């Protein structure tokens, strides 16, 4: 009789580690998206506006990146789940 060998499960120290991991991952993807996908920034405020308004514009553009990233990740999840369900039926 042959016993199946499973790789050991990786256990993280706490739920706080997992939350920190995902939050930092989300910030990384948003940063990459803001650097490469949304340059130049979407102009919501005139370039001659006060500095705090330009910071607000940058913040809104970053939030837009978060939303776009979340939608892309959701779309990938839906696509992969659909493929997995299709293959399970076959």
Protein backbone atom coordinates (compact mmCIF):
# COMPACT_ATOMS: atom_id res chain seq x y z
CA UNK A 1 0.00 0.00 0.00
CA UNK A 2 1.39 3.39 -1.04
CA UNK A 3 0.72 6.40 1.13
CA UNK A 4 0.12 9.68 -0.63
CA UNK A 5 2.66 12.34 0.12
CA UNK A 6 1.29 15.85 0.51
CA UNK A 7 3.51 18.90 0.78
CA UNK A 8 3.39 20.49 4.22
CA UNK A 9 0.92 23.31 4.56
CA UNK A 10 2.33 26.76 5.04
CA UNK A 11 0.84 28.35 8.13
CA UNK A 12 1.13 32.08 8.62
CA UNK A 13 1.75 33.41 12.12
CA UNK A 14 -1.57 35.22 12.42
CA UNK A 15 -4.52 36.73 10.58
CA UNK A 16 -2.78 40.09 10.88
CA UNK A 17 0.03 38.80 8.67
CA UNK A 18 -2.43 37.75 5.95
CA UNK A 19 -4.24 41.09 6.07
CA UNK A 20 -0.94 42.98 5.91
CA UNK A 21 0.20 40.80 3.01
CA UNK A 22 -2.93 41.46 0.94
CA UNK A 23 -3.02 45.19 1.73
CA UNK A 24 0.61 45.61 0.70
CA UNK A 25 0.00 43.54 -2.45
CA UNK A 26 -2.95 45.76 -3.31
CA UNK A 27 -0.84 48.91 -2.80
CA UNK A 28 1.91 47.45 -4.99
CA UNK A 29 -0.47 46.73 -7.86
CA UNK A 30 -2.09 50.16 -7.50
CA UNK A 31 1.33 51.79 -7.57
CA UNK A 32 2.33 49.88 -10.69
CA UNK A 33 -0.96 50.73 -12.35
CA UNK A 34 -0.61 54.41 -11.47
CA UNK A 35 2.94 54.55 -12.79
CA UNK A 36 2.44 52.74 -16.07
CA UNK A 37 -1.25 52.81 -16.94
CA UNK A 38 -2.50 56.23 -15.85
CA UNK A 39 0.27 58.55 -16.95
CA UNK A 40 -0.46 61.34 -17.61
CA UNK A 41 -2.90 61.66 -14.76
CA UNK A 42 -6.55 62.24 -15.48
CA UNK A 43 -6.93 65.99 -15.08
CA UNK A 44 -9.69 66.85 -12.65
CA UNK A 45 -8.18 70.12 -11.43
CA UNK A 46 -6.33 72.81 -13.38
CA UNK A 47 -2.52 72.72 -13.31
CA UNK A 48 -2.45 76.19 -11.73
CA UNK A 49 -4.54 75.07 -8.74
CA UNK A 50 -3.11 75.22 -5.21
CA UNK A 51 -0.84 72.44 -4.08
CA UNK A 52 -3.43 70.78 -1.82
CA UNK A 53 -5.84 70.47 -4.77
CA UNK A 54 -3.13 68.81 -6.87
CA UNK A 55 -2.51 66.36 -4.01
CA UNK A 56 -6.26 65.69 -3.92
CA UNK A 57 -6.18 65.02 -7.66
CA UNK A 58 -3.30 62.56 -7.23
CA UNK A 59 -5.21 60.84 -4.42
CA UNK A 60 -8.33 60.53 -6.60
CA UNK A 61 -6.25 59.10 -9.44
CA UNK A 62 -4.74 56.55 -7.03
CA UNK A 63 -8.23 55.60 -5.84
CA UNK A 64 -9.23 55.15 -9.48
CA UNK A 65 -6.28 52.76 -9.84
CA UNK A 66 -7.53 50.81 -6.81
CA UNK A 67 -10.99 50.48 -8.33
CA UNK A 68 -9.64 49.41 -11.72
CA UNK A 69 -7.32 46.90 -10.07
CA UNK A 70 -10.17 45.47 -7.99
CA UNK A 71 -12.32 45.11 -11.12
CA UNK A 72 -9.49 43.37 -12.99
CA UNK A 73 -8.86 40.97 -10.10
CA UNK A 74 -12.59 40.27 -9.84
CA UNK A 75 -12.75 39.60 -13.60
CA UNK A 76 -9.80 37.20 -13.40
CA UNK A 77 -11.46 35.38 -10.51
CA UNK A 78 -14.73 35.04 -12.44
CA UNK A 79 -12.89 33.80 -15.52
CA UNK A 80 -10.80 31.23 -13.66
CA UNK A 81 -13.80 30.00 -11.65
CA UNK A 82 -15.78 29.59 -14.86
CA UNK A 83 -12.98 27.60 -16.49
CA UNK A 84 -12.62 25.40 -13.39
CA UNK A 85 -16.38 24.76 -13.29
CA UNK A 86 -16.40 23.94 -17.01
CA UNK A 87 -13.56 21.48 -16.59
CA UNK A 88 -15.25 19.88 -13.56
CA UNK A 89 -18.35 19.21 -15.65
CA UNK A 90 -16.37 17.54 -18.43
